[in-house]
Amino acid sequence: MAKVTAGRDALGEFAPKFAELNDDILFGEVWSREAELPARDRSIVTITALITGGNFEQLPFHMKKAKENGVTKEEMTEIITHVAFYVGWPKASSAFNIAKELY
């Protein structure tokens, strides 16, 4: 996995510790543990968590990453359809609008 600098790029001057934790710990250490859970599966878990929490601002980045990690359009639509019954129809509808743009 390529080194992530998104935290530093977006918040490095404003919130340097948060940016460091985002880039070095979350993406540098947690996401790199592919022997324990492959990146494709981590993407599915992350997308599900973001939809559940209604965190749609982060969803485009993670859906794009999921696509790069091998999640197909058909799988993405199935993930969103499945979680709709657990987290709510409006959240699923919002997630579909984002997925349509990326797939």
N, C-alpha and C. Protein backbone atom coordinates (compact mmCIF):
# COMPACT_ATOMS: atom_id res chain seq x y z
N MET A 1 0.84 -1.17 0.00
CA MET A 1 0.00 0.00 0.00
C MET A 1 0.89 1.24 0.00
N ALA A 2 0.55 2.21 -0.85
CA ALA A 2 1.31 3.45 -0.92
C ALA A 2 1.13 4.25 0.36
N LYS A 3 2.16 5.01 0.73
CA LYS A 3 2.10 5.83 1.93
C LYS A 3 1.00 6.88 1.77
N VAL A 4 0.13 6.95 2.76
CA VAL A 4 -0.98 7.91 2.74
C VAL A 4 -0.53 9.19 3.42
N THR A 5 -0.80 10.31 2.76
CA THR A 5 -0.48 11.62 3.32
C THR A 5 -1.72 12.51 3.39
N ALA A 6 -2.89 11.92 3.22
CA ALA A 6 -4.14 12.70 3.19
C ALA A 6 -4.35 13.50 4.46
N GLY A 7 -4.05 12.93 5.61
CA GLY A 7 -4.20 13.65 6.87
C GLY A 7 -3.30 14.86 6.93
N ARG A 8 -2.05 14.65 6.58
CA ARG A 8 -1.10 15.77 6.60
C ARG A 8 -1.46 16.81 5.54
N ASP A 9 -1.91 16.35 4.38
CA ASP A 9 -2.28 17.28 3.32
C ASP A 9 -3.46 18.16 3.74
N ALA A 10 -4.45 17.55 4.39
CA ALA A 10 -5.67 18.28 4.75
C ALA A 10 -5.57 19.01 6.09
N LEU A 11 -4.91 18.40 7.07
CA LEU A 11 -4.94 18.94 8.43
C LEU A 11 -3.59 19.12 9.08
N GLY A 12 -2.52 18.89 8.34
CA GLY A 12 -1.18 18.90 8.92
C GLY A 12 -0.84 20.14 9.71
N GLU A 13 -1.18 21.31 9.21
CA GLU A 13 -0.88 22.54 9.93
C GLU A 13 -1.89 22.80 11.04
N PHE A 14 -3.14 22.47 10.81
CA PHE A 14 -4.20 22.77 11.78
C PHE A 14 -4.24 21.78 12.94
N ALA A 15 -4.12 20.51 12.62
CA ALA A 15 -4.19 19.44 13.64
C ALA A 15 -3.10 18.41 13.36
N PRO A 16 -1.85 18.77 13.62
CA PRO A 16 -0.74 17.88 13.23
C PRO A 16 -0.77 16.51 13.89
N LYS A 17 -1.17 16.39 15.14
CA LYS A 17 -1.19 15.08 15.79
C LYS A 17 -2.26 14.19 15.16
N PHE A 18 -3.45 14.74 14.92
CA PHE A 18 -4.50 13.98 14.26
C PHE A 18 -4.04 13.51 12.89
N ALA A 19 -3.40 14.40 12.14
CA ALA A 19 -2.90 14.06 10.80
C ALA A 19 -1.88 12.93 10.89
N GLU A 20 -1.00 13.01 11.88
CA GLU A 20 0.00 11.96 12.09
C GLU A 20 -0.67 10.62 12.40
N LEU A 21 -1.64 10.62 13.31
CA LEU A 21 -2.33 9.38 13.67
C LEU A 21 -3.07 8.80 12.47
N ASN A 22 -3.72 9.66 11.69
CA ASN A 22 -4.44 9.23 10.49
C ASN A 22 -3.49 8.54 9.50
N ASP A 23 -2.39 9.21 9.19
CA ASP A 23 -1.50 8.71 8.15
C ASP A 23 -0.62 7.55 8.62
N ASP A 24 -0.05 7.70 9.82
CA ASP A 24 0.94 6.72 10.28
C ASP A 24 0.32 5.51 10.98
N ILE A 25 -0.69 5.75 11.79
CA ILE A 25 -1.28 4.65 12.55
C ILE A 25 -2.42 3.99 11.77
N LEU A 26 -3.48 4.77 11.46
CA LEU A 26 -4.63 4.17 10.78
C LEU A 26 -4.24 3.57 9.44
N PHE A 27 -3.64 4.39 8.57
CA PHE A 27 -3.31 3.87 7.24
C PHE A 27 -1.96 3.17 7.22
N GLY A 28 -1.00 3.63 8.00
CA GLY A 28 0.33 3.04 8.00
C GLY A 28 0.42 1.70 8.71
N GLU A 29 -0.28 1.56 9.84
CA GLU A 29 -0.18 0.33 10.62
C GLU A 29 -1.43 -0.56 10.53
N VAL A 30 -2.61 0.02 10.69
CA VAL A 30 -3.83 -0.80 10.70
C VAL A 30 -4.15 -1.33 9.30
N TRP A 31 -4.23 -0.45 8.32
CA TRP A 31 -4.57 -0.88 6.97
C TRP A 31 -3.51 -1.79 6.36
N SER A 32 -2.29 -1.72 6.85
CA SER A 32 -1.22 -2.54 6.27
C SER A 32 -1.22 -3.97 6.80
N ARG A 33 -2.07 -4.30 7.74
CA ARG A 33 -2.11 -5.64 8.32
C ARG A 33 -2.92 -6.59 7.42
N GLU A 34 -2.47 -6.75 6.19
CA GLU A 34 -3.21 -7.52 5.20
C GLU A 34 -3.18 -9.02 5.47
N ALA A 35 -2.20 -9.51 6.21
CA ALA A 35 -2.18 -10.94 6.55
C ALA A 35 -3.35 -11.28 7.47
N GLU A 36 -3.74 -10.32 8.30
CA GLU A 36 -4.84 -10.54 9.24
C GLU A 36 -6.20 -10.29 8.61
N LEU A 37 -6.27 -9.31 7.72
CA LEU A 37 -7.52 -8.99 7.00
C LEU A 37 -7.14 -8.27 5.72
N PRO A 38 -7.41 -8.87 4.56
CA PRO A 38 -7.01 -8.26 3.29
C PRO A 38 -7.64 -6.87 3.09
N ALA A 39 -6.97 -6.04 2.30
CA ALA A 39 -7.43 -4.68 2.03
C ALA A 39 -8.84 -4.65 1.47
N ARG A 40 -9.17 -5.61 0.62
CA ARG A 40 -10.52 -5.68 0.04
C ARG A 40 -11.57 -5.82 1.14
N ASP A 41 -11.30 -6.70 2.10
CA ASP A 41 -12.23 -6.91 3.21
C ASP A 41 -12.27 -5.69 4.13
N ARG A 42 -11.12 -5.06 4.35
CA ARG A 42 -11.08 -3.85 5.15
C ARG A 42 -11.92 -2.76 4.50
N SER A 43 -11.87 -2.68 3.18
CA SER A 43 -12.68 -1.70 2.47
C SER A 43 -14.16 -1.95 2.69
N ILE A 44 -14.58 -3.20 2.61
CA ILE A 44 -15.99 -3.53 2.81
C ILE A 44 -16.42 -3.17 4.23
N VAL A 45 -15.60 -3.50 5.21
CA VAL A 45 -15.91 -3.17 6.60
C VAL A 45 -16.00 -1.66 6.77
N THR A 46 -15.04 -0.93 6.20
CA THR A 46 -15.01 0.52 6.35
C THR A 46 -16.22 1.17 5.70
N ILE A 47 -16.56 0.75 4.50
CA ILE A 47 -17.73 1.31 3.81
C ILE A 47 -18.99 1.06 4.62
N THR A 48 -19.13 -0.14 5.14
CA THR A 48 -20.30 -0.47 5.95
C THR A 48 -20.36 0.41 7.19
N ALA A 49 -19.23 0.61 7.86
CA ALA A 49 -19.19 1.45 9.05
C ALA A 49 -19.53 2.90 8.71
N LEU A 50 -19.01 3.40 7.61
CA LEU A 50 -19.29 4.78 7.22
C LEU A 50 -20.76 4.99 6.89
N ILE A 51 -21.35 4.05 6.16
CA ILE A 51 -22.79 4.16 5.84
C ILE A 51 -23.60 4.09 7.13
N THR A 52 -23.25 3.17 8.00
CA THR A 52 -23.98 3.01 9.26
C THR A 52 -23.97 4.31 10.06
N GLY A 53 -22.82 4.96 10.12
CA GLY A 53 -22.71 6.20 10.88
C GLY A 53 -23.19 7.44 10.14
N GLY A 54 -23.56 7.28 8.88
CA GLY A 54 -23.97 8.43 8.08
C GLY A 54 -22.82 9.37 7.76
N ASN A 55 -21.62 8.81 7.69
CA ASN A 55 -20.41 9.60 7.43
C ASN A 55 -20.11 9.65 5.94
N PHE A 56 -20.95 10.36 5.22
CA PHE A 56 -20.89 10.34 3.76
C PHE A 56 -19.76 11.18 3.19
N GLU A 57 -19.21 12.10 3.96
CA GLU A 57 -18.10 12.91 3.47
C GLU A 57 -16.87 12.04 3.19
N GLN A 58 -16.65 11.01 4.00
CA GLN A 58 -15.51 10.12 3.81
C GLN A 58 -15.79 8.99 2.82
N LEU A 59 -17.04 8.78 2.48
CA LEU A 59 -17.43 7.64 1.65
C LEU A 59 -16.83 7.67 0.24
N PRO A 60 -16.78 8.79 -0.47
CA PRO A 60 -16.19 8.74 -1.82
C PRO A 60 -14.74 8.23 -1.82
N PHE A 61 -13.93 8.71 -0.90
CA PHE A 61 -12.54 8.24 -0.83
C PHE A 61 -12.50 6.74 -0.61
N HIS A 62 -13.30 6.25 0.34
CA HIS A 62 -13.23 4.83 0.67
C HIS A 62 -13.90 3.95 -0.37
N MET A 63 -14.91 4.44 -1.05
CA MET A 63 -15.49 3.66 -2.15
C MET A 63 -14.51 3.56 -3.31
N LYS A 64 -13.80 4.65 -3.59
CA LYS A 64 -12.77 4.61 -4.63
C LYS A 64 -11.69 3.61 -4.25
N LYS A 65 -11.27 3.64 -2.98
CA LYS A 65 -10.26 2.70 -2.50
C LYS A 65 -10.79 1.26 -2.59
N ALA A 66 -12.06 1.05 -2.27
CA ALA A 66 -12.66 -0.28 -2.37
C ALA A 66 -12.63 -0.77 -3.81
N LYS A 67 -12.93 0.12 -4.74
CA LYS A 67 -12.88 -0.24 -6.17
C LYS A 67 -11.46 -0.65 -6.54
N GLU A 68 -10.47 0.13 -6.08
CA GLU A 68 -9.07 -0.20 -6.34
C GLU A 68 -8.69 -1.53 -5.68
N ASN A 69 -9.33 -1.85 -4.56
CA ASN A 69 -9.04 -3.09 -3.84
C ASN A 69 -9.86 -4.27 -4.37
N GLY A 70 -10.57 -4.07 -5.48
CA GLY A 70 -11.23 -5.19 -6.15
C GLY A 70 -12.71 -5.36 -5.89
N VAL A 71 -13.34 -4.44 -5.18
CA VAL A 71 -14.79 -4.54 -4.96
C VAL A 71 -15.49 -4.09 -6.24
N THR A 72 -16.28 -4.99 -6.81
CA THR A 72 -16.95 -4.69 -8.08
C THR A 72 -18.20 -3.85 -7.85
N LYS A 73 -18.73 -3.30 -8.94
CA LYS A 73 -19.98 -2.54 -8.88
C LYS A 73 -21.10 -3.41 -8.33
N GLU A 74 -21.16 -4.64 -8.80
CA GLU A 74 -22.21 -5.54 -8.35
C GLU A 74 -22.09 -5.82 -6.84
N GLU A 75 -20.87 -6.00 -6.38
CA GLU A 75 -20.66 -6.22 -4.95
C GLU A 75 -21.01 -4.97 -4.14
N MET A 76 -20.63 -3.81 -4.66
CA MET A 76 -20.93 -2.57 -3.95
C MET A 76 -22.44 -2.37 -3.82
N THR A 77 -23.17 -2.63 -4.91
CA THR A 77 -24.63 -2.47 -4.83
C THR A 77 -25.23 -3.48 -3.86
N GLU A 78 -24.67 -4.67 -3.80
CA GLU A 78 -25.16 -5.69 -2.86
C GLU A 78 -24.85 -5.29 -1.41
N ILE A 79 -23.67 -4.74 -1.18
CA ILE A 79 -23.30 -4.28 0.17
C ILE A 79 -24.29 -3.21 0.63
N ILE A 80 -24.55 -2.23 -0.22
CA ILE A 80 -25.45 -1.13 0.15
C ILE A 80 -26.87 -1.64 0.35
N THR A 81 -27.33 -2.50 -0.55
CA THR A 81 -28.68 -3.06 -0.41
C THR A 81 -28.80 -3.83 0.89
N HIS A 82 -27.80 -4.62 1.21
CA HIS A 82 -27.83 -5.43 2.43
C HIS A 82 -27.89 -4.55 3.68
N VAL A 83 -27.02 -3.54 3.76
CA VAL A 83 -27.00 -2.71 4.96
C VAL A 83 -28.23 -1.82 5.08
N ALA A 84 -28.92 -1.57 3.97
CA ALA A 84 -30.13 -0.73 4.02
C ALA A 84 -31.14 -1.26 5.03
N PHE A 85 -31.24 -2.56 5.13
CA PHE A 85 -32.22 -3.16 6.04
C PHE A 85 -31.81 -3.07 7.50
N TYR A 86 -30.55 -2.77 7.74
CA TYR A 86 -30.03 -2.67 9.11
C TYR A 86 -29.83 -1.23 9.57
N VAL A 87 -29.49 -0.34 8.63
CA VAL A 87 -29.13 1.03 9.02
C VAL A 87 -30.09 2.09 8.51
N GLY A 88 -30.96 1.73 7.59
CA GLY A 88 -31.96 2.67 7.11
C GLY A 88 -31.87 2.95 5.63
N TRP A 89 -33.05 3.13 5.07
CA TRP A 89 -33.18 3.36 3.63
C TRP A 89 -32.55 4.69 3.20
N PRO A 90 -32.73 5.79 3.94
CA PRO A 90 -32.11 7.05 3.51
C PRO A 90 -30.58 6.98 3.45
N LYS A 91 -29.97 6.30 4.39
CA LYS A 91 -28.50 6.16 4.36
C LYS A 91 -28.07 5.36 3.14
N ALA A 92 -28.80 4.30 2.84
CA ALA A 92 -28.48 3.50 1.66
C ALA A 92 -28.66 4.31 0.38
N SER A 93 -29.72 5.07 0.33
CA SER A 93 -29.97 5.90 -0.85
C SER A 93 -28.84 6.90 -1.05
N SER A 94 -28.39 7.53 0.02
CA SER A 94 -27.27 8.47 -0.07
C SER A 94 -25.99 7.75 -0.53
N ALA A 95 -25.76 6.56 -0.01
CA ALA A 95 -24.58 5.79 -0.41
C ALA A 95 -24.65 5.39 -1.89
N PHE A 96 -25.84 5.03 -2.37
CA PHE A 96 -25.98 4.69 -3.78
C PHE A 96 -25.65 5.88 -4.67
N ASN A 97 -26.03 7.08 -4.26
CA ASN A 97 -25.72 8.27 -5.06
C ASN A 97 -24.21 8.46 -5.21
N ILE A 98 -23.48 8.16 -4.16
CA ILE A 98 -22.01 8.27 -4.21
C ILE A 98 -21.44 7.14 -5.07
N ALA A 99 -21.93 5.93 -4.86
CA ALA A 99 -21.42 4.77 -5.62
C ALA A 99 -21.65 4.94 -7.13
N LYS A 100 -22.80 5.50 -7.50
CA LYS A 100 -23.09 5.70 -8.93
C LYS A 100 -22.03 6.58 -9.58
N GLU A 101 -21.54 7.58 -8.87
CA GLU A 101 -20.52 8.48 -9.41
C GLU A 101 -19.19 7.77 -9.64
N LEU A 102 -18.89 6.78 -8.79
CA LEU A 102 -17.59 6.11 -8.85
C LEU A 102 -17.56 4.87 -9.74
N TYR A 103 -18.71 4.26 -9.90
CA TYR A 103 -18.76 3.04 -10.70
C TYR A 103 -19.43 3.32 -12.04
